[in-house]
């Protein structure tokens, strides 16, 4: 599901196990989100292509105990927090060592 050539997270992802967009292997690496240029740590779900994120609405929950969310629209940039296993150092770091 990940783009191994550029090592980017999928365009859509959710951290809710009941969602069809949930992917445990991707989430285990850690996914960070930049929304409108600012780091966000409270993102429940995102779609980078459509340009939206869903965030929990404080401590509010629905009748099934799931957090209530709101959709925010803007520029979304997902990235991995940890590098993929078996990936060498980046070319920029190699150039600095020479």
N, C-alpha and C. Protein backbone atom coordinates (compact mmCIF):
# COMPACT_ATOMS: atom_id res chain seq x y z
N UNK A 1 0.81 -1.19 0.00
CA UNK A 1 0.00 0.00 0.00
C UNK A 1 0.86 1.26 0.00
N UNK A 2 2.14 1.15 0.45
CA UNK A 2 2.99 2.32 0.45
C UNK A 2 3.72 2.44 -0.87
N UNK A 3 4.13 3.63 -1.20
CA UNK A 3 4.89 3.90 -2.40
C UNK A 3 6.36 3.75 -2.03
N UNK A 4 6.97 2.61 -2.35
CA UNK A 4 8.32 2.32 -1.90
C UNK A 4 9.36 3.16 -2.62
N UNK A 5 9.10 3.62 -3.83
CA UNK A 5 10.08 4.42 -4.56
C UNK A 5 10.35 5.74 -3.85
N UNK A 6 9.34 6.39 -3.35
CA UNK A 6 9.53 7.66 -2.67
C UNK A 6 9.30 7.53 -1.18
N UNK A 7 8.92 6.36 -0.71
CA UNK A 7 8.68 6.07 0.70
C UNK A 7 7.70 7.07 1.32
N UNK A 8 6.51 7.13 0.76
CA UNK A 8 5.46 8.01 1.26
C UNK A 8 4.31 7.18 1.81
N UNK A 9 3.62 7.70 2.81
CA UNK A 9 2.42 7.00 3.31
C UNK A 9 1.32 7.02 2.25
N UNK A 10 0.31 6.17 2.41
CA UNK A 10 -0.79 6.17 1.45
C UNK A 10 -1.54 7.50 1.46
N UNK A 11 -2.25 7.77 0.38
CA UNK A 11 -2.99 9.03 0.26
C UNK A 11 -4.14 9.12 1.25
N UNK A 12 -4.70 7.97 1.65
CA UNK A 12 -5.79 7.95 2.62
C UNK A 12 -5.45 6.95 3.71
N UNK A 13 -5.71 7.31 4.96
CA UNK A 13 -5.41 6.43 6.08
C UNK A 13 -6.28 6.80 7.26
N UNK A 14 -6.64 5.79 8.05
CA UNK A 14 -7.43 5.99 9.26
C UNK A 14 -6.80 5.21 10.40
N UNK A 15 -6.93 5.70 11.63
CA UNK A 15 -6.42 4.95 12.77
C UNK A 15 -7.53 4.20 13.51
N UNK A 16 -8.70 4.12 12.89
CA UNK A 16 -9.84 3.36 13.45
C UNK A 16 -9.82 1.95 12.87
N UNK A 17 -9.63 0.91 13.72
CA UNK A 17 -9.55 -0.47 13.21
C UNK A 17 -10.80 -0.94 12.45
N UNK A 18 -11.94 -0.32 12.68
CA UNK A 18 -13.15 -0.74 11.96
C UNK A 18 -13.27 -0.10 10.58
N UNK A 19 -12.38 0.81 10.24
CA UNK A 19 -12.42 1.50 8.96
C UNK A 19 -11.73 0.68 7.87
N UNK A 20 -12.23 0.72 6.63
CA UNK A 20 -11.54 0.02 5.54
C UNK A 20 -10.20 0.68 5.18
N UNK A 21 -9.95 1.90 5.66
CA UNK A 21 -8.70 2.60 5.37
C UNK A 21 -7.62 2.33 6.42
N UNK A 22 -7.92 1.50 7.41
CA UNK A 22 -6.97 1.17 8.47
C UNK A 22 -5.90 0.23 7.95
N UNK A 23 -4.62 0.52 8.26
CA UNK A 23 -3.50 -0.33 7.84
C UNK A 23 -2.49 -0.38 8.98
N UNK A 24 -2.46 -1.50 9.70
CA UNK A 24 -1.60 -1.66 10.88
C UNK A 24 -0.12 -1.52 10.55
N UNK A 25 0.32 -2.06 9.40
CA UNK A 25 1.75 -2.00 9.06
C UNK A 25 2.21 -0.57 8.82
N UNK A 26 1.38 0.23 8.18
CA UNK A 26 1.73 1.63 7.94
C UNK A 26 1.73 2.40 9.25
N UNK A 27 0.72 2.18 10.08
CA UNK A 27 0.62 2.91 11.34
C UNK A 27 1.72 2.52 12.32
N UNK A 28 2.25 1.30 12.21
CA UNK A 28 3.32 0.88 13.12
C UNK A 28 4.61 1.67 12.89
N UNK A 29 4.80 2.19 11.68
CA UNK A 29 5.97 3.03 11.39
C UNK A 29 5.78 4.45 11.90
N UNK A 30 4.56 4.82 12.16
CA UNK A 30 4.28 6.18 12.60
C UNK A 30 4.08 7.10 11.41
N UNK A 31 2.97 7.78 11.38
CA UNK A 31 2.66 8.70 10.29
C UNK A 31 2.43 10.07 10.89
N UNK A 32 3.17 11.05 10.42
CA UNK A 32 2.97 12.43 10.84
C UNK A 32 2.18 13.18 9.79
N UNK A 33 1.48 14.22 10.23
CA UNK A 33 0.65 15.00 9.31
C UNK A 33 1.00 16.48 9.47
N UNK A 34 1.27 17.12 8.34
CA UNK A 34 1.37 18.58 8.29
C UNK A 34 0.09 19.07 7.64
N UNK A 35 -0.66 19.88 8.36
CA UNK A 35 -1.92 20.42 7.85
C UNK A 35 -1.80 21.93 7.80
N UNK A 36 -1.89 22.49 6.61
CA UNK A 36 -1.71 23.93 6.38
C UNK A 36 -0.38 24.40 6.94
N UNK A 37 0.66 23.56 6.80
CA UNK A 37 2.00 23.92 7.23
C UNK A 37 2.31 23.69 8.69
N UNK A 38 1.33 23.26 9.50
CA UNK A 38 1.54 23.04 10.93
C UNK A 38 1.44 21.55 11.25
N UNK A 39 2.27 21.09 12.18
CA UNK A 39 2.23 19.70 12.61
C UNK A 39 0.94 19.44 13.40
N UNK A 40 0.27 18.32 13.10
CA UNK A 40 -0.94 17.94 13.83
C UNK A 40 -0.74 16.56 14.41
N UNK A 41 -1.05 16.39 15.69
CA UNK A 41 -0.91 15.10 16.36
C UNK A 41 -2.26 14.48 16.70
N UNK A 42 -3.35 15.15 16.38
CA UNK A 42 -4.67 14.69 16.76
C UNK A 42 -5.51 14.20 15.58
N UNK A 43 -4.88 13.80 14.49
CA UNK A 43 -5.59 13.41 13.28
C UNK A 43 -6.09 11.96 13.40
N UNK A 44 -7.38 11.77 13.18
CA UNK A 44 -7.99 10.44 13.21
C UNK A 44 -7.96 9.79 11.83
N UNK A 45 -8.13 10.58 10.78
CA UNK A 45 -8.19 10.09 9.41
C UNK A 45 -7.80 11.24 8.49
N UNK A 46 -7.22 10.90 7.33
CA UNK A 46 -6.87 11.94 6.37
C UNK A 46 -7.02 11.45 4.95
N UNK A 47 -7.16 12.39 4.03
CA UNK A 47 -7.14 12.13 2.59
C UNK A 47 -6.32 13.26 1.97
N UNK A 48 -5.08 12.94 1.61
CA UNK A 48 -4.16 13.95 1.08
C UNK A 48 -4.60 14.44 -0.30
N UNK A 49 -5.16 13.55 -1.12
CA UNK A 49 -5.58 13.95 -2.47
C UNK A 49 -6.76 14.90 -2.43
N UNK A 50 -7.73 14.64 -1.56
CA UNK A 50 -8.91 15.50 -1.46
C UNK A 50 -8.64 16.71 -0.58
N UNK A 51 -7.59 16.67 0.24
CA UNK A 51 -7.22 17.82 1.05
C UNK A 51 -8.06 18.00 2.30
N UNK A 52 -8.24 16.93 3.09
CA UNK A 52 -8.98 17.05 4.35
C UNK A 52 -8.41 16.11 5.40
N UNK A 53 -8.67 16.46 6.67
CA UNK A 53 -8.35 15.60 7.81
C UNK A 53 -9.57 15.55 8.71
N UNK A 54 -9.66 14.50 9.50
CA UNK A 54 -10.68 14.40 10.54
C UNK A 54 -9.97 14.40 11.89
N UNK A 55 -10.43 15.27 12.78
CA UNK A 55 -9.85 15.36 14.11
C UNK A 55 -10.94 15.15 15.15
N UNK A 56 -10.54 14.60 16.30
CA UNK A 56 -11.48 14.37 17.38
C UNK A 56 -11.93 15.71 17.96
N UNK A 57 -13.17 15.75 18.36
CA UNK A 57 -13.78 16.95 18.92
C UNK A 57 -13.69 16.87 20.44
N UNK A 58 -12.58 17.35 20.99
CA UNK A 58 -12.30 17.31 22.43
C UNK A 58 -12.51 15.89 22.97
N UNK A 59 -13.27 15.74 24.03
CA UNK A 59 -13.51 14.42 24.62
C UNK A 59 -14.93 13.91 24.34
N UNK A 60 -15.57 14.49 23.36
CA UNK A 60 -16.94 14.09 23.02
C UNK A 60 -16.94 12.73 22.33
N UNK A 61 -17.92 11.89 22.69
CA UNK A 61 -18.05 10.57 22.07
C UNK A 61 -19.49 10.35 21.65
N UNK A 62 -19.66 9.47 20.65
CA UNK A 62 -21.01 9.14 20.22
C UNK A 62 -21.57 8.05 21.14
N UNK A 63 -22.75 7.56 20.83
CA UNK A 63 -23.39 6.58 21.71
C UNK A 63 -22.70 5.22 21.72
N UNK A 64 -21.80 5.00 20.77
CA UNK A 64 -21.04 3.75 20.73
C UNK A 64 -19.65 3.90 21.36
N UNK A 65 -19.36 5.09 21.87
CA UNK A 65 -18.09 5.33 22.54
C UNK A 65 -16.96 5.76 21.63
N UNK A 66 -17.25 5.96 20.35
CA UNK A 66 -16.22 6.44 19.41
C UNK A 66 -16.16 7.96 19.47
N UNK A 67 -14.97 8.54 19.26
CA UNK A 67 -14.87 10.00 19.33
C UNK A 67 -15.64 10.68 18.20
N UNK A 68 -16.28 11.80 18.54
CA UNK A 68 -16.90 12.63 17.51
C UNK A 68 -15.79 13.36 16.78
N UNK A 69 -15.91 13.47 15.47
CA UNK A 69 -14.87 14.10 14.67
C UNK A 69 -15.45 15.21 13.82
N UNK A 70 -14.57 16.13 13.43
CA UNK A 70 -14.93 17.16 12.48
C UNK A 70 -13.94 17.10 11.32
N UNK A 71 -14.40 17.48 10.16
CA UNK A 71 -13.55 17.48 8.96
C UNK A 71 -13.03 18.89 8.73
N UNK A 72 -11.70 18.98 8.61
CA UNK A 72 -11.05 20.26 8.30
C UNK A 72 -10.46 20.16 6.91
N UNK A 73 -10.64 21.21 6.11
CA UNK A 73 -10.19 21.21 4.72
C UNK A 73 -8.98 22.12 4.58
N UNK A 74 -7.96 21.63 3.86
CA UNK A 74 -6.75 22.40 3.62
C UNK A 74 -5.67 21.51 3.05
N UNK A 75 -4.46 22.03 2.93
CA UNK A 75 -3.34 21.27 2.39
C UNK A 75 -2.86 20.24 3.41
N UNK A 76 -2.81 18.95 2.97
CA UNK A 76 -2.41 17.85 3.84
C UNK A 76 -1.14 17.22 3.29
N UNK A 77 -0.14 17.07 4.16
CA UNK A 77 1.12 16.45 3.77
C UNK A 77 1.48 15.35 4.76
N UNK A 78 1.22 14.08 4.41
CA UNK A 78 1.60 12.98 5.31
C UNK A 78 3.06 12.59 5.12
N UNK A 79 3.69 12.09 6.18
CA UNK A 79 5.07 11.62 6.11
C UNK A 79 5.28 10.56 7.18
N UNK A 80 6.27 9.70 6.95
CA UNK A 80 6.60 8.67 7.93
C UNK A 80 7.50 9.25 9.00
N UNK A 81 7.29 8.83 10.25
CA UNK A 81 8.13 9.29 11.35
C UNK A 81 9.41 8.47 11.45
N UNK A 82 9.38 7.22 11.01
CA UNK A 82 10.56 6.36 11.06
C UNK A 82 10.85 5.84 9.65
N UNK A 83 12.12 5.65 9.30
CA UNK A 83 12.45 5.13 7.97
C UNK A 83 12.06 3.66 7.85
N UNK A 84 11.90 3.20 6.62
CA UNK A 84 11.56 1.80 6.37
C UNK A 84 12.73 0.92 6.77
N UNK A 85 12.43 -0.31 7.18
CA UNK A 85 13.48 -1.25 7.54
C UNK A 85 14.29 -1.63 6.31
N UNK A 86 15.61 -1.69 6.47
CA UNK A 86 16.48 -2.08 5.37
C UNK A 86 16.80 -0.97 4.40
N UNK A 87 16.37 0.25 4.69
CA UNK A 87 16.66 1.37 3.79
C UNK A 87 17.99 1.98 4.19
N UNK A 88 18.85 2.20 3.20
CA UNK A 88 20.15 2.81 3.44
C UNK A 88 19.99 4.28 3.80
N UNK A 89 21.09 4.92 4.18
CA UNK A 89 21.07 6.36 4.44
C UNK A 89 20.64 7.10 3.19
N UNK A 90 20.10 8.29 3.38
CA UNK A 90 19.65 9.07 2.23
C UNK A 90 20.84 9.54 1.41
N UNK A 91 20.67 9.80 0.11
CA UNK A 91 21.77 10.27 -0.74
C UNK A 91 22.36 11.59 -0.25
N UNK A 92 21.57 12.44 0.36
CA UNK A 92 22.08 13.71 0.85
C UNK A 92 23.11 13.48 1.96
N UNK A 93 22.84 12.50 2.83
CA UNK A 93 23.78 12.20 3.91
C UNK A 93 25.05 11.59 3.35
N UNK A 94 24.95 10.75 2.30
CA UNK A 94 26.12 10.15 1.68
C UNK A 94 27.01 11.22 1.05
N UNK A 95 26.41 12.24 0.46
CA UNK A 95 27.18 13.29 -0.19
C UNK A 95 27.96 14.11 0.83
N UNK A 96 27.39 14.27 2.03
CA UNK A 96 28.07 15.03 3.06
C UNK A 96 29.26 14.26 3.61
N UNK A 97 29.21 12.92 3.60
CA UNK A 97 30.29 12.12 4.14
C UNK A 97 31.49 12.08 3.21
N UNK A 98 31.31 12.32 1.93
CA UNK A 98 32.42 12.27 0.96
C UNK A 98 33.37 13.41 1.11
